Protein backbone atom coordinates (compact mmCIF):
# COMPACT_ATOMS: atom_id res chain seq x y z
CA MET A 1 23.23 62.27 93.52
CA LEU A 2 26.56 60.34 93.36
CA LYS A 3 27.75 62.71 90.66
CA GLU A 4 27.05 65.71 92.95
CA ILE A 5 28.83 64.09 95.88
CA ILE A 6 31.89 63.31 93.76
CA ALA A 7 31.92 66.91 92.32
CA VAL A 8 31.75 68.38 95.83
CA PHE A 9 34.62 66.19 97.07
CA VAL A 10 36.96 66.64 94.03
CA GLY A 11 36.11 70.44 93.77
CA GLY A 12 36.45 70.85 97.49
CA GLY A 13 39.84 69.06 97.45
CA LEU A 14 41.07 71.24 94.57
CA GLY A 15 39.79 74.34 96.30
CA SER A 16 41.54 73.30 99.59
CA VAL A 17 44.88 72.72 97.78
CA LEU A 18 44.57 76.25 96.15
CA ARG A 19 43.77 77.70 99.55
CA PHE A 20 46.79 76.01 101.12
CA LEU A 21 49.01 77.48 98.33
CA VAL A 22 47.67 81.00 98.79
CA ASN A 23 48.35 80.61 102.52
CA LYS A 24 51.94 79.73 101.77
CA ILE A 25 52.50 82.98 99.87
CA GLU A 26 53.94 85.59 102.12
CA ILE A 27 51.75 88.59 100.99
CA VAL A 28 52.61 91.19 103.66
CA SER A 29 54.90 90.84 106.60
CA ASP A 30 52.31 92.33 108.99
CA ASN A 31 51.34 89.39 111.23
CA ASN A 32 48.32 91.05 112.72
CA PHE A 33 45.99 91.15 109.84
CA PRO A 34 45.05 87.78 108.25
CA TYR A 35 45.74 88.67 104.69
CA SER A 36 45.94 85.18 103.25
CA THR A 37 42.43 84.28 104.46
CA PHE A 38 41.15 87.74 103.33
CA ILE A 39 42.49 87.34 99.91
CA SER A 40 41.35 83.78 99.51
CA ASN A 41 37.83 84.73 100.55
CA PHE A 42 37.85 87.82 98.22
CA LEU A 43 39.02 85.64 95.29
CA GLY A 44 36.56 82.92 96.15
CA CYS A 45 33.65 85.35 96.26
CA LEU A 46 34.69 86.90 92.85
CA ILE A 47 34.92 83.43 91.32
CA LEU A 48 31.55 82.54 92.77
CA GLY A 49 30.03 85.64 91.33
CA LEU A 50 31.46 84.94 87.94
CA VAL A 51 30.25 81.31 88.00
CA LEU A 52 26.76 82.47 89.20
CA GLY A 53 26.65 85.09 86.51
CA TYR A 54 27.70 82.73 83.84
CA PHE A 55 25.34 79.88 84.82
CA ILE A 56 22.39 82.29 85.30
CA LYS A 57 22.87 83.71 81.86
CA ASN A 58 23.91 80.66 79.84
CA GLU A 59 23.37 77.39 81.68
CA ASN A 60 21.35 75.38 84.07
CA PRO A 61 22.44 76.34 87.63
CA ASN A 62 21.55 72.80 88.62
CA SER A 63 24.28 71.19 86.42
CA ILE A 64 27.06 69.16 87.77
CA LEU A 65 29.71 71.72 86.67
CA PHE A 66 27.84 74.34 88.75
CA VAL A 67 27.96 72.26 91.88
CA PHE A 68 31.61 71.36 91.27
CA LEU A 69 32.53 75.07 90.90
CA THR A 70 30.36 76.60 93.60
CA VAL A 71 29.98 74.14 96.37
CA GLY A 72 33.16 72.30 95.72
CA LEU A 73 35.88 74.55 94.35
CA CYS A 74 34.68 77.84 95.99
CA GLY A 75 33.59 76.10 99.16
CA GLY A 76 37.06 74.46 99.59
CA PHE A 77 38.94 77.64 98.62
CA THR A 78 37.14 79.95 100.97
CA THR A 79 36.99 79.24 104.55
CA PHE A 80 34.58 80.58 107.24
CA SER A 81 36.34 78.48 109.95
CA SER A 82 39.64 80.16 109.38
CA PHE A 83 37.94 83.57 109.21
CA SER A 84 36.15 82.79 112.54
CA ASN A 85 39.32 81.56 114.26
CA GLU A 86 41.41 84.47 113.10
CA SER A 87 38.66 86.88 114.28
CA LEU A 88 38.65 85.24 117.67
CA GLN A 89 42.41 85.47 117.93
CA LEU A 90 42.39 89.22 117.07
CA ILE A 91 39.76 89.75 119.81
CA GLN A 92 41.72 87.74 122.40
CA ASN A 93 44.90 89.65 121.57
CA GLY A 94 43.09 92.94 122.14
CA GLU A 95 43.30 93.85 118.44
CA ILE A 96 39.76 95.13 118.36
CA PHE A 97 40.38 97.79 115.60
CA ILE A 98 42.01 95.13 113.28
CA PHE A 99 39.20 92.72 114.05
CA LEU A 100 36.54 95.31 113.15
CA ALA A 101 38.42 96.18 109.97
CA TYR A 102 38.79 92.42 109.14
CA LEU A 103 35.14 91.71 109.86
CA LEU A 104 33.64 94.65 107.93
CA GLY A 105 36.22 94.42 105.16
CA SER A 106 35.56 90.68 104.65
CA LEU A 107 31.78 91.06 104.59
CA ILE A 108 31.78 94.11 102.36
CA VAL A 109 34.47 92.94 99.98
CA GLY A 110 32.83 89.46 99.83
CA ILE A 111 29.35 90.70 99.00
CA VAL A 112 30.60 93.27 96.51
CA SER A 113 32.84 90.62 94.88
CA VAL A 114 29.95 88.27 94.31
CA TYR A 115 27.86 91.15 92.91
CA VAL A 116 30.62 92.33 90.63
CA GLY A 117 31.08 88.73 89.31
CA THR A 118 27.44 88.47 88.46
CA LEU A 119 27.28 91.96 87.08
CA ILE A 120 30.09 91.14 84.59
CA PHE A 121 27.93 88.49 82.90
CA LYS A 122 24.85 90.74 83.00
CA LEU A 123 26.75 93.33 81.06
CA LEU A 124 28.16 90.96 78.43
């Protein structure tokens, strides 16, 4: 149990640092759509799918590396709290169309990304 706790904290810390760095990159100058969070969540879901696909095919998904990569790294890199806060800000600013695009885009892209990641290892 101690190994898992350490893996979550170290992986989460690394994921959080990576998320911070992505947030510092000025991707698009449009201030209305939260591109940094959208891209972080997309990449995190794709990485999660790749990790899941690999471990389902090759390893024990209960291994410490699995916990480090999924709960730690991906958990620290993606952020539901930022997604929720940015969604609320869009609603409060009357940006309903952008909010709906962000909401649906995040959900669809996230689920498809996890699926594509797992599919890659099924096809190999």
